[in-house]
Amino acid sequence: MAIKSLLQYVGSSSLLYLAAGLVALIYFLTSLKKSVCSLPPGPRPLPLIGNLNVVDLKKPFQSLTELSKIYGNIFTVHFGPRKAVVLAGYETIKDALLNHSEEFGERAEIPIFRKMTQGNGKLLVGFSHGELWKTMRRFTLSTLRDFGMGKRTIEIRILEELTSLIKYFASYQGKPFDTKMILNNAVSNVICSILFGERFEYDDPVFLTLLKLLNENTKLLGSPMVLLYNFYPSLGFLFGAPKTVQQNVDELTAFLQKLFQEHKEEFNENNLTGFVDAFLMKQQQESKKPYTYFHNGNLLFSTLDLFAAGTETTSTTVCWGLLLMMKYPEIQRKIQEEMNQVIEPGQLPKLEDRKKMPYTDAVIHEIQRFANIVPMSVSRSTPTDVNFQGYVIPKGTEVIPLLTSALNDELHWKTPDEFNPSHFLDADGNFIRREAFIPFSIGRRACIGEGLAKMELFLFFAGLLRKFVFQTPPGVDKSDLDLTADVGFILSPMPHLVCAVPYE
């Protein structure tokens, strides 16, 4: 009777949902039973939600770090129905990404990136697989080098952009302002000069809008709503954030398509201006092949990938650097004293000066370590069943290299929770490289723009400190500065104002 009354009460449509839920629950428990014996240990998952009861979706990397203290450097976590193996600690990450690079060499399928690219997520350089990945990465690296990455030509471009940035900072005459968007603009102009052969003015309304869209997406991609969409993509209609991400991508791609058309109309194989022109020439050369990777879809998503990655990461790191200089003025003074001994009055730092400025170099490295802007890297996937350190990780399992655990590994850093440039200095004040310093990741999937980013970080950061002393706004004490990271795919500082006082 009770069952009959229940059936009459819930109705036929509700019964359908109930049945679907029961099927999902049975499938979940069955798959759990099959996999639990082969996967590394981890917290026991609950039906449907997995381990989301112990994961803070605003700062999942912190939750995973805490779980590694309980379950070790290799453990399994369930984000709802989505299983992932987490690699924690430098030695474990190194073993996986260097010694077993093929076994951990694929990218995981991330629903939000698939949505952003309308099902073509694997066309992004950072998310492609197999021969596509090899071909596009090889072409991208070669082309970036052709247009100056790692060479004197790109150094000149960065210094020209630095000069414009210094003028902008000086225009505030020591009064407080927000550095985030202008740093985005300056850094983005460098990658734009490589991609398109041109830069954009800081007050260009179209470009400012695009940077705001890019910034909003970077934040949303690490938001709880987008993470939940990744875990439960079939329930995407419940989440507004993925729709906003898609709308922003549509605007960005419309802008890029317009630029592509301009480049096609003005194309001259004897005067290639950047990556886009080089791609168009390759496309032309392979036009008669029955199949080529150099099609319009790859042009769009490769350019979008480089544009986004070449803008947000470096500008965010410089933003952290200026905040930390306000927080630790004694470190700022020491950098400027070092520059006074190396650089002629009125001159800006050059790359060749870096070897003569070990303290400045150490500070920049420590900014990257401490800021920890991509704490969970980008997920990998196992192309086959993998035997790793006594465990069997099934084919297609998502693998998270927890980079924050390497950058804060107590076995490699004396004071991992503190901002301490001496991490990169020996007893005599010489710069030393540290094995566990892997902000760009390591192995075959390491950041493709690492060389460019290192050049930009040194020239922009040292150049700004050559011209300005960065101070807190009036009425704000350095002890009040918040070093807590904002929520996002890339960890940015909380909104704050900066005073750039001319350095004399």
Protein backbone atom coordinates (compact mmCIF):
# COMPACT_ATOMS: atom_id res chain seq x y z
CA MET A 1 0.00 0.00 0.00
CA ALA A 2 2.75 2.39 0.88
CA ILE A 3 4.48 1.74 -2.46
CA LYS A 4 1.19 2.16 -4.36
CA SER A 5 0.49 5.46 -2.61
CA LEU A 6 4.00 6.64 -3.39
CA LEU A 7 3.59 5.77 -7.08
CA GLN A 8 0.32 7.67 -7.27
CA TYR A 9 1.89 10.66 -5.53
CA VAL A 10 5.08 11.09 -7.60
CA GLY A 11 3.35 10.67 -10.99
CA SER A 12 4.69 9.23 -14.22
CA SER A 13 7.16 12.03 -15.09
CA SER A 14 8.65 12.00 -11.62
CA LEU A 15 8.95 8.23 -11.85
CA LEU A 16 11.02 8.66 -14.98
CA TYR A 17 13.46 10.95 -13.14
CA LEU A 18 13.52 8.56 -10.18
CA ALA A 19 14.29 5.61 -12.45
CA ALA A 20 17.03 7.57 -14.20
CA GLY A 21 18.51 8.45 -10.84
CA LEU A 22 18.48 4.83 -9.71
CA VAL A 23 20.13 3.71 -12.94
CA ALA A 24 22.82 6.37 -12.48
CA LEU A 25 23.35 5.27 -8.89
CA ILE A 26 23.66 1.58 -9.87
CA TYR A 27 26.09 2.46 -12.66
CA PHE A 28 28.13 4.57 -10.27
CA LEU A 29 28.37 1.83 -7.65
CA THR A 30 29.17 -0.80 -10.29
CA SER A 31 31.94 1.25 -11.90
CA LEU A 32 33.29 2.06 -8.44
CA LYS A 33 33.48 -1.62 -7.58
CA LYS A 34 35.32 -2.39 -10.83
CA SER A 35 37.88 0.37 -10.49
CA VAL A 36 38.51 0.66 -6.79
CA CYS A 37 40.89 -2.30 -6.73
CA SER A 38 43.22 -0.91 -9.44
CA LEU A 39 43.28 2.79 -8.73
CA PRO A 40 45.40 4.45 -6.03
CA PRO A 41 43.69 4.97 -2.66
CA GLY A 42 41.65 8.02 -1.84
CA PRO A 43 38.66 9.25 0.14
CA ARG A 44 35.63 6.98 -0.15
CA PRO A 45 33.24 8.52 -2.67
CA LEU A 46 29.58 9.11 -1.93
CA PRO A 47 26.88 8.25 -4.48
CA LEU A 48 26.52 10.87 -7.23
CA ILE A 49 28.64 13.56 -5.55
CA GLY A 50 31.79 11.46 -5.18
CA ASN A 51 34.22 13.44 -2.99
CA LEU A 52 32.75 16.89 -3.59
CA ASN A 53 31.88 16.97 0.11
CA VAL A 54 35.60 17.33 0.90
CA VAL A 55 36.67 19.56 -2.02
CA ASP A 56 36.40 23.35 -1.90
CA LEU A 57 35.44 24.27 -5.47
CA LYS A 58 36.70 27.82 -4.98
CA LYS A 59 40.20 26.53 -4.18
CA PRO A 60 40.29 22.86 -5.20
CA PHE A 61 44.11 22.81 -5.25
CA GLN A 62 44.14 23.51 -1.51
CA SER A 63 41.72 20.63 -0.85
CA LEU A 64 43.82 18.27 -2.98
CA THR A 65 46.95 19.35 -1.12
CA GLU A 66 45.29 18.48 2.19
CA LEU A 67 44.13 15.13 0.83
CA SER A 68 47.69 14.31 -0.26
CA LYS A 69 48.77 14.60 3.37
CA ILE A 70 46.30 11.83 4.21
CA TYR A 71 46.49 9.52 1.19
CA GLY A 72 50.02 10.12 -0.08
CA ASN A 73 51.53 11.47 -3.27
CA ILE A 74 49.33 9.37 -5.57
CA PHE A 75 45.63 9.22 -4.79
CA THR A 76 42.25 9.03 -6.46
CA VAL A 77 39.55 11.65 -6.08
CA HIS A 78 36.00 11.56 -7.44
CA PHE A 79 34.57 14.84 -8.72
CA GLY A 80 31.02 13.58 -8.86
CA PRO A 81 31.07 10.76 -11.44
CA ARG A 82 34.41 11.98 -12.85
CA LYS A 83 37.43 10.10 -11.49
CA ALA A 84 40.90 11.62 -11.40
CA VAL A 85 44.29 10.51 -10.14
CA VAL A 86 46.27 13.26 -8.43
CA LEU A 87 50.06 13.40 -8.50
CA ALA A 88 51.52 15.36 -5.58
CA GLY A 89 55.09 16.26 -4.63
CA TYR A 90 57.92 17.07 -7.02
CA GLU A 91 59.45 13.58 -7.15
CA THR A 92 56.15 11.96 -8.11
CA ILE A 93 55.34 14.58 -10.74
CA LYS A 94 58.84 14.31 -12.21
CA ASP A 95 58.63 10.52 -12.34
CA ALA A 96 55.31 10.67 -14.18
CA LEU A 97 55.92 13.55 -16.61
CA LEU A 98 59.59 12.84 -17.40
CA ASN A 99 60.21 9.13 -16.84
CA HIS A 100 56.75 8.08 -18.06
CA SER A 101 56.09 10.91 -20.48
CA GLU A 102 54.31 8.75 -23.07
CA GLU A 103 52.02 7.10 -20.51
CA PHE A 104 50.94 10.49 -19.15
CA GLY A 105 51.26 12.37 -22.43
CA GLU A 106 47.65 12.90 -23.49
CA ARG A 107 45.28 15.67 -22.49
CA ALA A 108 42.08 14.93 -20.60
CA GLU A 109 38.78 15.69 -22.29
CA ILE A 110 37.46 18.81 -20.52
CA PRO A 111 33.78 19.54 -21.27
CA ILE A 112 34.07 23.34 -21.03
CA PHE A 113 36.88 23.44 -23.61
CA ARG A 114 34.86 21.20 -25.90
CA LYS A 115 31.93 23.60 -25.53
CA MET A 116 34.14 26.66 -26.13
CA THR A 117 35.39 25.23 -29.40
CA GLN A 118 32.04 23.78 -30.48
CA GLY A 119 33.28 20.23 -30.25
CA ASN A 120 36.76 20.96 -31.57
CA GLY A 121 38.56 21.24 -28.23
CA LYS A 122 41.34 18.97 -29.42
CA LEU A 123 42.31 21.59 -32.02
CA LEU A 124 43.76 23.80 -29.30
CA VAL A 125 47.54 23.34 -29.29
CA GLY A 126 47.54 22.60 -25.57
CA PHE A 127 44.70 20.04 -25.82
CA SER A 128 45.44 18.23 -29.08
CA HIS A 129 46.59 14.61 -29.30
CA GLY A 130 48.70 12.26 -31.37
CA GLU A 131 49.97 13.35 -34.79
CA LEU A 132 47.85 16.52 -34.69
CA TRP A 133 49.55 17.60 -31.47
CA LYS A 134 53.03 16.77 -32.79
CA THR A 135 52.46 18.60 -36.06
CA MET A 136 50.94 21.74 -34.55
CA ARG A 137 53.42 21.96 -31.67
CA ARG A 138 56.36 21.54 -34.05
CA PHE A 139 54.98 24.20 -36.41
CA THR A 140 54.13 26.58 -33.56
CA LEU A 141 57.55 26.32 -31.91
CA SER A 142 59.35 26.76 -35.24
CA THR A 143 57.21 29.76 -36.21
CA LEU A 144 57.53 31.44 -32.82
CA ARG A 145 61.31 31.16 -33.13
CA ASP A 146 61.19 32.52 -36.69
CA PHE A 147 59.39 35.60 -35.43
CA GLY A 148 61.77 36.29 -32.61
CA MET A 149 61.05 34.13 -29.57
CA GLY A 150 64.35 33.73 -27.75
CA LYS A 151 66.12 36.17 -30.06
CA ARG A 152 67.27 39.76 -29.98
CA THR A 153 64.37 40.84 -32.23
CA ILE A 154 61.73 39.99 -29.65
CA GLU A 155 63.79 41.63 -26.92
CA ILE A 156 63.61 44.87 -28.92
CA ARG A 157 59.82 44.51 -29.20
CA ILE A 158 59.46 43.93 -25.46
CA LEU A 159 61.63 46.95 -24.66
CA GLU A 160 59.57 49.12 -27.03
CA GLU A 161 56.41 47.97 -25.25
CA LEU A 162 58.06 48.58 -21.89
CA THR A 163 58.73 52.19 -22.91
CA SER A 164 55.02 52.70 -23.66
CA LEU A 165 54.11 51.04 -20.37
CA ILE A 166 56.48 53.31 -18.41
CA LYS A 167 54.86 56.38 -19.98
CA TYR A 168 51.45 55.10 -18.95
CA PHE A 169 52.56 54.46 -15.36
CA ALA A 170 54.19 57.91 -15.21
CA SER A 171 50.96 59.59 -16.34
CA TYR A 172 49.43 58.86 -12.93
CA GLN A 173 52.12 60.99 -11.25
CA GLY A 174 52.39 58.71 -8.24
CA LYS A 175 48.63 58.52 -7.65
CA PRO A 176 46.92 55.15 -7.05
CA PHE A 177 45.74 53.09 -10.04
CA ASP A 178 44.90 49.50 -10.95
CA THR A 179 47.68 47.83 -12.95
CA LYS A 180 45.83 44.68 -14.05
CA MET A 181 44.35 45.76 -17.39
CA ILE A 182 47.31 47.84 -18.53
CA LEU A 183 49.72 45.00 -17.79
CA ASN A 184 47.38 42.69 -19.75
CA ASN A 185 47.48 45.14 -22.65
CA ALA A 186 51.26 45.53 -22.67
CA VAL A 187 52.00 41.81 -22.44
CA SER A 188 49.31 41.00 -24.98
CA ASN A 189 50.88 43.44 -27.42
CA VAL A 190 54.03 41.33 -27.42
CA ILE A 191 52.23 38.13 -28.41
CA CYS A 192 50.08 40.12 -30.86
CA SER A 193 53.22 41.39 -32.58
CA ILE A 194 54.27 37.74 -33.05
CA LEU A 195 50.83 36.53 -34.12
CA PHE A 196 49.68 39.44 -36.27
CA GLY A 197 52.73 41.64 -36.76
CA GLU A 198 51.04 44.57 -35.01
CA ARG A 199 50.31 46.04 -31.59
CA PHE A 200 47.27 47.90 -30.25
CA GLU A 201 47.06 51.24 -28.50
CA TYR A 202 46.26 51.12 -24.80
CA ASP A 203 43.06 53.12 -25.32
CA ASP A 204 41.82 51.07 -28.30
CA PRO A 205 38.18 50.38 -27.22
CA VAL A 206 37.85 47.15 -29.24
CA PHE A 207 41.05 45.69 -27.85
CA LEU A 208 40.17 46.72 -24.30
CA THR A 209 36.85 44.92 -24.67
CA LEU A 210 38.59 41.79 -25.90
CA LEU A 211 41.00 41.83 -22.97
CA LYS A 212 38.08 42.17 -20.56
CA LEU A 213 36.39 39.17 -22.19
CA LEU A 214 39.61 37.18 -21.91
CA ASN A 215 40.02 38.19 -18.28
CA GLU A 216 36.43 37.26 -17.46
CA ASN A 217 36.82 33.84 -19.07
CA THR A 218 40.07 33.17 -17.22
CA LYS A 219 38.24 33.83 -13.99
CA LEU A 220 35.12 31.86 -14.92
CA LEU A 221 37.07 28.79 -16.05
CA GLY A 222 38.15 28.28 -12.45
CA SER A 223 34.78 29.11 -10.91
CA PRO A 224 32.67 26.55 -9.02
CA MET A 225 29.90 26.73 -11.64
CA VAL A 226 32.19 25.84 -14.52
CA LEU A 227 33.87 23.12 -12.49
CA LEU A 228 30.44 21.62 -11.77
CA TYR A 229 29.68 21.79 -15.49
CA ASN A 230 32.88 19.82 -16.16
CA PHE A 231 31.79 17.20 -13.63
CA TYR A 232 28.15 17.05 -14.78
CA PRO A 233 28.09 18.26 -18.42
CA SER A 234 24.66 16.74 -19.05
CA LEU A 235 23.26 19.20 -16.49
CA GLY A 236 24.82 22.16 -18.27
CA PHE A 237 21.44 23.85 -18.68
CA LEU A 238 21.48 24.51 -14.93
CA PHE A 239 24.69 26.58 -15.03
CA GLY A 240 24.89 30.10 -16.43
CA ALA A 241 28.67 30.50 -16.33
CA PRO A 242 29.42 28.13 -19.26
CA LYS A 243 27.01 30.14 -21.44
CA THR A 244 28.88 33.33 -20.56
CA VAL A 245 32.19 31.66 -21.37
CA GLN A 246 30.82 30.60 -24.77
CA GLN A 247 29.48 34.09 -25.52
CA ASN A 248 32.86 35.60 -24.70
CA VAL A 249 34.65 33.08 -26.93
CA ASP A 250 32.24 33.90 -29.76
CA GLU A 251 33.19 37.57 -29.53
CA LEU A 252 36.90 36.75 -29.38
CA THR A 253 36.69 34.45 -32.39
CA ALA A 254 34.70 37.03 -34.39
CA PHE A 255 37.53 39.51 -33.80
CA LEU A 256 40.15 36.96 -34.84
CA GLN A 257 38.19 35.99 -37.95
CA LYS A 258 38.14 39.64 -39.01
CA LEU A 259 41.91 39.84 -38.55
CA PHE A 260 42.38 36.61 -40.52
CA GLN A 261 40.38 38.04 -43.41
CA GLU A 262 42.53 41.17 -43.43
CA HIS A 263 45.68 39.05 -43.49
CA LYS A 264 44.31 36.90 -46.32
CA GLU A 265 43.54 39.98 -48.40
CA GLU A 266 46.99 41.48 -47.82
CA PHE A 267 48.92 38.20 -47.86
CA ASN A 268 52.40 38.35 -49.39
CA GLU A 269 54.55 35.25 -49.11
CA ASN A 270 57.64 37.44 -49.44
CA ASN A 271 56.61 39.56 -46.45
CA LEU A 272 55.26 37.36 -43.67
CA THR A 273 54.33 39.50 -40.67
CA GLY A 274 53.74 36.81 -38.05
CA PHE A 275 52.27 33.46 -37.04
CA VAL A 276 49.01 33.99 -38.93
CA ASP A 277 50.78 34.72 -42.21
CA ALA A 278 53.07 31.72 -41.72
CA PHE A 279 50.01 29.53 -41.14
CA LEU A 280 48.31 30.90 -44.25
CA MET A 281 51.39 30.13 -46.33
CA LYS A 282 51.52 26.58 -44.95
CA GLN A 283 47.82 26.26 -45.70
CA GLN A 284 48.48 27.37 -49.28
CA GLN A 285 51.37 24.92 -49.67
CA GLU A 286 49.22 21.98 -48.52
CA SER A 287 46.01 23.02 -50.30
CA LYS A 288 46.21 20.13 -52.80
CA LYS A 289 46.66 17.44 -50.16
CA PRO A 290 43.59 15.26 -49.49
CA TYR A 291 43.94 16.04 -45.79
CA THR A 292 45.91 18.66 -43.92
CA TYR A 293 46.12 19.87 -40.34
CA PHE A 294 46.51 23.41 -41.63
CA HIS A 295 42.85 24.25 -42.04
CA ASN A 296 40.80 27.22 -40.84
CA GLY A 297 39.71 25.50 -37.63
CA ASN A 298 43.29 24.94 -36.55
CA LEU A 299 44.22 28.49 -37.52
CA LEU A 300 41.47 29.86 -35.31
CA PHE A 301 42.01 27.71 -32.25
CA SER A 302 45.81 27.75 -32.39
CA THR A 303 45.78 31.55 -32.54
CA LEU A 304 43.19 31.80 -29.77
CA ASP A 305 45.23 29.44 -27.61
CA LEU A 306 48.45 31.44 -28.09
CA PHE A 307 46.68 34.78 -27.69
CA ALA A 308 45.08 33.78 -24.37
CA ALA A 309 48.11 31.99 -22.91
CA GLY A 310 50.49 34.73 -24.05
CA THR A 311 48.42 37.42 -22.33
CA GLU A 312 47.13 36.22 -18.97
CA THR A 313 49.96 34.22 -17.40
CA THR A 314 52.83 36.70 -17.75
CA SER A 315 50.78 39.80 -16.95
CA THR A 316 49.35 38.09 -13.85
CA THR A 317 52.87 37.19 -12.66
CA VAL A 318 54.09 40.79 -13.10
CA CYS A 319 50.98 41.99 -11.25
CA TRP A 320 51.90 39.68 -8.35
CA GLY A 321 55.45 40.99 -8.50
CA LEU A 322 54.45 44.64 -8.05
CA LEU A 323 52.12 43.72 -5.18
CA LEU A 324 54.91 41.80 -3.46
CA MET A 325 57.31 44.74 -3.89
CA MET A 326 54.83 46.94 -2.02
CA LYS A 327 54.54 44.27 0.65
CA TYR A 328 58.33 43.88 0.96
CA PRO A 329 59.92 47.29 0.22
CA GLU A 330 63.30 46.13 1.54
CA ILE A 331 63.45 43.57 -1.28
CA GLN A 332 62.49 46.25 -3.79
CA ARG A 333 65.31 48.51 -2.54
CA LYS A 334 67.83 45.68 -2.83
CA ILE A 335 66.83 45.06 -6.47
CA GLN A 336 67.23 48.74 -7.30
CA GLU A 337 70.62 48.89 -5.58
CA GLU A 338 71.75 45.92 -7.66
CA MET A 339 70.57 47.58 -10.86
CA ASN A 340 72.41 50.77 -9.98
CA GLN A 341 75.65 48.78 -9.96
CA VAL A 342 74.99 47.06 -13.29
CA ILE A 343 73.00 49.43 -15.52
CA GLU A 344 74.09 52.85 -16.70
CA PRO A 345 72.02 55.85 -15.47
CA GLY A 346 68.99 56.45 -17.67
CA GLN A 347 69.20 52.99 -19.29
CA LEU A 348 66.72 50.13 -19.08
CA PRO A 349 67.73 46.53 -18.25
CA LYS A 350 68.58 44.22 -21.15
CA LEU A 351 68.60 40.44 -21.22
CA GLU A 352 72.37 40.38 -21.11
CA ASP A 353 72.18 42.09 -17.70
CA ARG A 354 70.31 39.21 -16.09
CA LYS A 355 73.45 37.16 -15.37
CA LYS A 356 74.92 40.17 -13.58
CA MET A 357 71.77 40.64 -11.47
CA PRO A 358 71.46 37.39 -9.45
CA TYR A 359 69.31 38.92 -6.73
CA THR A 360 66.79 40.33 -9.20
CA ASP A 361 66.70 37.00 -11.01
CA ALA A 362 66.12 35.20 -7.71
CA VAL A 363 63.24 37.54 -6.82
CA ILE A 364 61.54 36.94 -10.18
CA HIS A 365 61.81 33.18 -9.74
CA GLU A 366 60.46 33.44 -6.21
CA ILE A 367 57.52 35.53 -7.45
CA GLN A 368 56.66 32.70 -9.85
CA ARG A 369 57.02 30.07 -7.14
CA PHE A 370 55.08 31.98 -4.51
CA ALA A 371 52.31 33.24 -6.83
CA ASN A 372 51.72 29.69 -8.04
CA ILE A 373 49.37 30.96 -10.75
CA VAL A 374 48.48 27.60 -12.36
CA PRO A 375 48.36 25.35 -9.28
CA MET A 376 46.76 22.31 -10.92
CA SER A 377 48.39 22.60 -14.33
CA VAL A 378 46.16 21.24 -17.13
CA SER A 379 44.88 17.70 -16.66
CA ARG A 380 46.52 14.79 -18.47
CA SER A 381 44.96 11.51 -19.56
CA THR A 382 46.35 7.99 -19.84
CA PRO A 383 46.25 6.65 -23.45
CA THR A 384 46.58 3.07 -22.16
CA ASP A 385 46.46 1.23 -18.84
CA VAL A 386 49.48 2.51 -16.91
CA ASN A 387 51.48 0.69 -14.24
CA PHE A 388 52.90 3.44 -12.07
CA GLN A 389 54.55 3.14 -8.66
CA GLY A 390 52.65 -0.02 -7.76
CA TYR A 391 49.23 1.08 -9.04
CA VAL A 392 47.30 0.39 -12.23
CA ILE A 393 45.76 3.53 -13.69
CA PRO A 394 43.16 2.55 -16.32
CA LYS A 395 43.14 3.91 -19.85
CA GLY A 396 41.38 7.25 -20.20
CA THR A 397 41.81 8.26 -16.54
CA GLU A 398 42.19 11.97 -15.88
CA VAL A 399 45.51 12.75 -14.18
CA ILE A 400 46.13 16.01 -12.30
CA PRO A 401 49.79 17.04 -11.81
CA LEU A 402 49.42 19.19 -8.70
CA LEU A 403 52.10 21.78 -9.52
CA THR A 404 51.43 23.69 -6.32
CA SER A 405 52.67 20.65 -4.38
CA ALA A 406 56.03 20.86 -6.17
CA LEU A 407 56.34 24.62 -5.76
CA ASN A 408 55.62 24.20 -2.05
CA ASP A 409 57.33 20.87 -1.47
CA GLU A 410 58.90 20.93 2.00
CA LEU A 411 61.62 18.56 0.80
CA HIS A 412 62.84 21.17 -1.70
CA TRP A 413 62.04 24.57 -0.18
CA LYS A 414 63.27 25.83 3.17
CA THR A 415 60.29 28.10 3.82
CA PRO A 416 57.65 27.07 1.26
CA ASP A 417 54.87 29.22 2.71
CA GLU A 418 56.94 32.41 2.78
CA PHE A 419 58.10 34.79 0.06
CA ASN A 420 61.83 34.19 0.28
CA PRO A 421 64.22 35.04 -2.63
CA SER A 422 67.03 33.19 -0.86
CA HIS A 423 65.43 29.99 -2.16
CA PHE A 424 67.31 30.79 -5.39
CA LEU A 425 70.58 32.10 -3.91
CA ASP A 426 73.61 30.30 -2.54
CA ALA A 427 75.62 31.42 0.48
CA ASP A 428 77.64 33.80 -1.69
CA GLY A 429 74.61 35.46 -3.25
CA ASN A 430 74.91 33.65 -6.60
CA PHE A 431 71.77 32.60 -8.42
CA ILE A 432 71.05 28.86 -8.28
CA ARG A 433 68.53 26.83 -10.23
CA ARG A 434 66.15 24.64 -8.25
CA GLU A 435 64.95 21.32 -9.60
CA ALA A 436 61.47 21.63 -8.10
CA PHE A 437 60.88 25.01 -9.77
CA ILE A 438 58.37 23.91 -12.43
CA PRO A 439 55.78 26.71 -12.91
CA PHE A 440 55.75 25.93 -16.66
CA SER A 441 55.31 22.19 -15.96
CA ILE A 442 57.85 19.70 -17.35
CA GLY A 443 58.15 17.03 -20.01
CA ARG A 444 56.64 16.84 -23.46
CA ARG A 445 53.64 18.98 -22.50
CA ALA A 446 55.62 21.81 -20.89
CA CYS A 447 54.42 25.35 -21.70
CA ILE A 448 55.18 26.18 -25.33
CA GLY A 449 55.80 29.83 -24.51
CA GLU A 450 58.21 29.34 -21.62
CA GLY A 451 61.12 31.05 -23.37
CA LEU A 452 59.09 34.12 -24.27
CA ALA A 453 57.55 34.34 -20.79
CA LYS A 454 60.99 34.32 -19.12
CA MET A 455 62.18 37.17 -21.33
CA GLU A 456 59.04 39.21 -20.66
CA LEU A 457 59.12 38.66 -16.92
CA PHE A 458 62.68 39.89 -16.58
CA LEU A 459 62.40 42.88 -18.91
CA PHE A 460 58.98 44.11 -17.74
CA PHE A 461 59.56 43.57 -14.02
CA ALA A 462 63.13 44.86 -13.84
CA GLY A 463 62.33 47.68 -16.26
CA LEU A 464 59.43 48.95 -14.15
CA LEU A 465 61.51 48.81 -10.98
CA ARG A 466 64.25 50.71 -12.79
CA LYS A 467 61.88 53.66 -13.22
CA PHE A 468 59.53 53.48 -10.24
CA VAL A 469 59.26 52.71 -6.55
CA PHE A 470 56.02 50.87 -5.91
CA GLN A 471 54.21 51.97 -2.78
CA THR A 472 50.86 51.39 -1.10
CA PRO A 473 48.15 54.04 -1.57
CA PRO A 474 47.88 56.71 1.15
CA GLY A 475 46.31 55.32 4.29
CA VAL A 476 47.11 51.70 3.41
CA ASP A 477 49.82 49.97 5.44
CA LYS A 478 51.91 47.25 3.80
CA SER A 479 50.75 44.84 6.51
CA ASP A 480 47.19 45.31 5.22
CA LEU A 481 48.03 44.10 1.71
CA ASP A 482 46.14 40.88 0.95
CA LEU A 483 48.21 38.11 -0.66
CA THR A 484 45.20 35.80 -0.98
CA ALA A 485 44.59 34.74 -4.55
CA ASP A 486 41.30 35.46 -6.30
CA VAL A 487 39.20 32.58 -7.65
CA GLY A 488 40.01 31.61 -11.24
CA PHE A 489 41.73 29.17 -13.59
CA ILE A 490 44.80 31.39 -13.16
CA LEU A 491 45.37 32.66 -9.62
CA SER A 492 45.39 36.47 -9.75
CA PRO A 493 45.89 38.89 -6.84
CA MET A 494 42.79 40.36 -5.29
CA PRO A 495 41.89 43.77 -6.79
CA HIS A 496 44.22 46.44 -5.42
CA LEU A 497 45.67 49.86 -6.24
CA VAL A 498 49.33 50.70 -6.80
CA CYS A 499 51.31 53.93 -6.51
CA ALA A 500 54.21 54.15 -8.99
CA VAL A 501 56.49 56.90 -7.66
CA PRO A 502 59.37 57.94 -9.97
CA TYR A 503 62.67 56.38 -8.83
CA GLU A 504 65.55 58.82 -8.58
